[in-house]
Amino acid sequence: METLTHFSLTELETGLEHIRQSPKDNGILELIVRRPRVDEREIVNEAELNLEVGLVGDTWKMRGSKATPDGSANLNAQITLANVRAIALMAQTEERWPLAGDQLYVDFSLSEDNVPPGTHLAIGTAILEVSAVPHTGCAKFSQRFGVDALKFVNSPEGKQLHLRGINTMVIRAGIIRVGDVVKKI
């Protein structure tokens, strides 16, 4: 059994400057994670982004959403991006990054100032549009990374920097690969 001590809020806050230094242009896609079943993660080096299902092989569409009137999947939360600097700080080891539950992990500034809703991001041959739907920490996130990590990402500064990540939708299907450039278009 893993014996990991979660960082305190004060310890997490010491990493803010490093997170703020994330590239604002020409970031890098560092990790692609599919969720084939609840609480399962599959790390891949290449993936297809599709207009209808999002990340091919992921269960986003099957999971549905509590945010839609009929419980169907929320198109505005089709693909989630997480900043690797923020996740690395909270997860403490790279093996734990996928526990966050996001699909794309990027070394790229996801701050409100850098990628406001409506921004288009090119990764590989795909294009994503940043959604206005907030991506916030939940009970599972708190359990995996600690109560203080949840406070950290949901703080006013955490929300402005989008430390929990951002929701996007696929607006042009394509192939993405680890190492691809992430850029605003």
Protein backbone atom coordinates (compact mmCIF):
# COMPACT_ATOMS: atom_id res chain seq x y z
CA MET A 1 0.00 0.00 0.00
CA GLU A 2 1.24 3.45 -0.91
CA THR A 3 2.18 5.71 1.97
CA LEU A 4 2.01 9.19 0.54
CA THR A 5 1.61 12.32 2.61
CA HIS A 6 -0.37 15.00 0.81
CA PHE A 7 1.16 18.45 0.67
CA SER A 8 -0.25 21.20 2.84
CA LEU A 9 -1.77 24.31 1.30
CA THR A 10 1.38 26.25 2.25
CA GLU A 11 3.59 23.65 0.53
CA LEU A 12 1.40 23.73 -2.58
CA GLU A 13 1.49 27.53 -2.72
CA THR A 14 5.31 27.43 -2.93
CA GLY A 15 4.90 25.88 -6.40
CA LEU A 16 2.74 28.70 -7.82
CA GLU A 17 5.63 30.62 -9.40
CA HIS A 18 6.79 27.53 -11.32
CA ILE A 19 3.22 26.97 -12.57
CA ARG A 20 2.93 30.64 -13.60
CA GLN A 21 6.05 30.18 -15.78
CA SER A 22 4.27 27.61 -18.01
CA PRO A 23 4.63 28.49 -21.72
CA LYS A 24 1.89 30.83 -22.97
CA ASP A 25 2.58 29.86 -26.58
CA ASN A 26 3.96 26.65 -28.04
CA GLY A 27 3.50 24.34 -25.08
CA ILE A 28 3.96 20.57 -25.25
CA LEU A 29 1.53 17.66 -24.93
CA GLU A 30 3.25 15.53 -22.26
CA LEU A 31 0.73 12.76 -21.56
CA ILE A 32 -2.43 11.28 -23.11
CA VAL A 33 -4.71 9.23 -20.84
CA ARG A 34 -7.82 7.32 -21.88
CA ARG A 35 -10.37 6.19 -19.31
CA PRO A 36 -11.70 2.89 -20.72
CA ARG A 37 -13.74 2.18 -17.57
CA VAL A 38 -14.48 3.97 -14.30
CA ASP A 39 -11.28 4.36 -12.25
CA GLU A 40 -9.15 2.78 -15.02
CA ARG A 41 -6.48 4.65 -16.94
CA GLU A 42 -4.71 3.77 -20.17
CA ILE A 43 -1.65 5.80 -21.14
CA VAL A 44 -1.11 6.08 -24.90
CA ASN A 45 1.47 7.86 -27.04
CA GLU A 46 -0.96 8.61 -29.87
CA ALA A 47 -4.72 9.09 -29.96
CA GLU A 48 -7.56 10.19 -32.18
CA LEU A 49 -9.80 13.10 -31.24
CA ASN A 50 -13.26 12.78 -32.74
CA LEU A 51 -16.12 15.28 -32.95
CA GLU A 52 -18.68 12.79 -31.65
CA VAL A 53 -16.87 10.75 -28.97
CA GLY A 54 -14.01 13.05 -28.00
CA LEU A 55 -10.92 10.95 -27.28
CA VAL A 56 -11.45 7.66 -29.10
CA GLY A 57 -11.36 4.80 -26.56
CA ASP A 58 -12.34 7.06 -23.64
CA THR A 59 -15.70 6.73 -21.85
CA TRP A 60 -16.60 10.45 -21.83
CA LYS A 61 -19.73 9.95 -23.94
CA MET A 62 -20.93 6.87 -22.01
CA ARG A 63 -20.45 8.52 -18.60
CA GLY A 64 -22.94 11.28 -19.26
CA SER A 65 -23.14 14.36 -17.09
CA LYS A 66 -25.08 15.62 -14.09
CA ALA A 67 -24.88 19.08 -15.71
CA THR A 68 -27.14 18.27 -18.67
CA PRO A 69 -30.95 18.11 -18.30
CA ASP A 70 -31.17 14.60 -19.77
CA GLY A 71 -27.94 13.25 -18.23
CA SER A 72 -26.24 12.96 -21.62
CA ALA A 73 -22.55 13.77 -22.05
CA ASN A 74 -21.73 17.48 -21.88
CA LEU A 75 -20.18 18.52 -25.21
CA ASN A 76 -18.60 21.51 -23.45
CA ALA A 77 -16.63 19.11 -21.23
CA GLN A 78 -15.59 16.62 -23.91
CA ILE A 79 -11.81 16.79 -23.39
CA THR A 80 -10.06 17.99 -20.23
CA LEU A 81 -6.60 19.49 -20.23
CA ALA A 82 -4.44 19.69 -17.12
CA ASN A 83 -1.26 21.69 -16.58
CA VAL A 84 1.57 19.23 -15.90
CA ARG A 85 3.31 21.62 -13.52
CA ALA A 86 0.19 21.85 -11.33
CA ILE A 87 -0.51 18.10 -11.46
CA ALA A 88 3.15 17.24 -10.81
CA LEU A 89 3.05 19.38 -7.67
CA MET A 90 -0.14 17.82 -6.31
CA ALA A 91 0.48 14.23 -7.45
CA GLN A 92 4.16 14.27 -6.35
CA THR A 93 5.10 11.45 -8.76
CA GLU A 94 4.49 11.18 -12.50
CA GLU A 95 2.89 7.75 -12.03
CA ARG A 96 0.08 9.47 -10.09
CA TRP A 97 -0.74 12.11 -12.76
CA PRO A 98 -3.45 9.98 -14.42
CA LEU A 99 -5.33 9.77 -11.11
CA ALA A 100 -6.47 13.36 -11.73
CA GLY A 101 -8.83 11.93 -14.36
CA ASP A 102 -7.91 14.29 -17.18
CA GLN A 103 -7.17 13.15 -20.72
CA LEU A 104 -4.48 15.57 -21.91
CA TYR A 105 -1.59 16.78 -19.74
CA VAL A 106 0.21 19.80 -21.17
CA ASP A 107 3.13 22.04 -20.30
CA PHE A 108 1.15 25.12 -21.29
CA SER A 109 -0.49 27.98 -19.39
CA LEU A 110 -4.18 27.21 -18.95
CA SER A 111 -4.83 30.47 -17.10
CA GLU A 112 -7.96 32.50 -17.76
CA ASP A 113 -5.79 35.30 -19.16
CA ASN A 114 -4.00 32.98 -21.61
CA VAL A 115 -6.88 30.78 -22.81
CA PRO A 116 -10.25 32.39 -22.09
CA PRO A 117 -13.42 30.56 -23.22
CA GLY A 118 -13.63 30.44 -27.00
CA THR A 119 -9.86 30.14 -27.50
CA HIS A 120 -8.88 27.58 -30.14
CA LEU A 121 -5.98 25.26 -29.37
CA ALA A 122 -4.19 23.24 -32.04
CA ILE A 123 -2.61 19.96 -30.95
CA GLY A 124 -1.36 17.63 -33.69
CA THR A 125 -3.94 17.77 -36.47
CA ALA A 126 -6.84 18.40 -34.07
CA ILE A 127 -8.34 21.68 -32.86
CA LEU A 128 -10.04 22.13 -29.48
CA GLU A 129 -12.15 25.04 -28.27
CA VAL A 130 -11.87 26.14 -24.64
CA SER A 131 -15.24 25.91 -22.90
CA ALA A 132 -16.74 28.32 -20.37
CA VAL A 133 -17.73 25.30 -18.22
CA PRO A 134 -15.41 25.35 -15.18
CA HIS A 135 -13.33 22.29 -14.35
CA THR A 136 -13.23 22.06 -10.56
CA GLY A 137 -11.92 19.59 -8.04
CA CYS A 138 -14.29 16.95 -6.65
CA ALA A 139 -14.41 14.39 -3.83
CA LYS A 140 -12.27 11.89 -5.79
CA PHE A 141 -9.68 14.60 -6.47
CA SER A 142 -9.61 15.47 -2.76
CA GLN A 143 -9.24 11.80 -1.81
CA ARG A 144 -6.38 11.25 -4.25
CA PHE A 145 -4.44 14.50 -3.72
CA GLY A 146 -5.64 15.81 -0.35
CA VAL A 147 -8.14 18.30 1.03
CA ASP A 148 -5.56 21.09 0.73
CA ALA A 149 -5.07 20.30 -2.98
CA LEU A 150 -8.81 20.76 -3.45
CA LYS A 151 -8.64 24.11 -1.60
CA PHE A 152 -5.60 25.04 -3.73
CA VAL A 153 -7.30 24.44 -7.11
CA ASN A 154 -10.63 25.96 -6.02
CA SER A 155 -9.10 29.11 -4.48
CA PRO A 156 -9.60 32.40 -6.38
CA GLU A 157 -6.02 32.23 -7.71
CA GLY A 158 -6.36 28.51 -8.43
CA LYS A 159 -9.48 29.19 -10.49
CA GLN A 160 -7.83 32.08 -12.37
CA LEU A 161 -4.81 29.88 -13.22
CA HIS A 162 -7.13 26.91 -13.89
CA LEU A 163 -5.00 24.71 -11.64
CA ARG A 164 -7.62 21.95 -11.92
CA GLY A 165 -7.47 22.26 -15.70
CA ILE A 166 -9.92 23.28 -18.40
CA ASN A 167 -12.79 21.75 -20.31
CA THR A 168 -12.68 21.79 -24.10
CA MET A 169 -14.57 20.40 -27.08
CA VAL A 170 -13.21 18.96 -30.31
CA ILE A 171 -13.97 21.29 -33.23
CA ARG A 172 -11.67 19.60 -35.74
CA ALA A 173 -10.98 15.88 -35.52
CA GLY A 174 -7.40 14.73 -35.78
CA ILE A 175 -4.48 12.71 -34.44
CA ILE A 176 -2.48 13.85 -31.42
CA ARG A 177 0.83 12.48 -30.16
CA VAL A 178 2.88 12.94 -27.00
CA GLY A 179 5.42 15.65 -27.82
CA ASP A 180 3.05 17.60 -30.08
CA VAL A 181 3.09 21.38 -29.78
CA VAL A 182 0.08 23.00 -28.10
CA LYS A 183 -0.62 26.43 -29.56
CA LYS A 184 -3.33 29.05 -29.68
CA ILE A 185 -4.72 29.76 -33.14
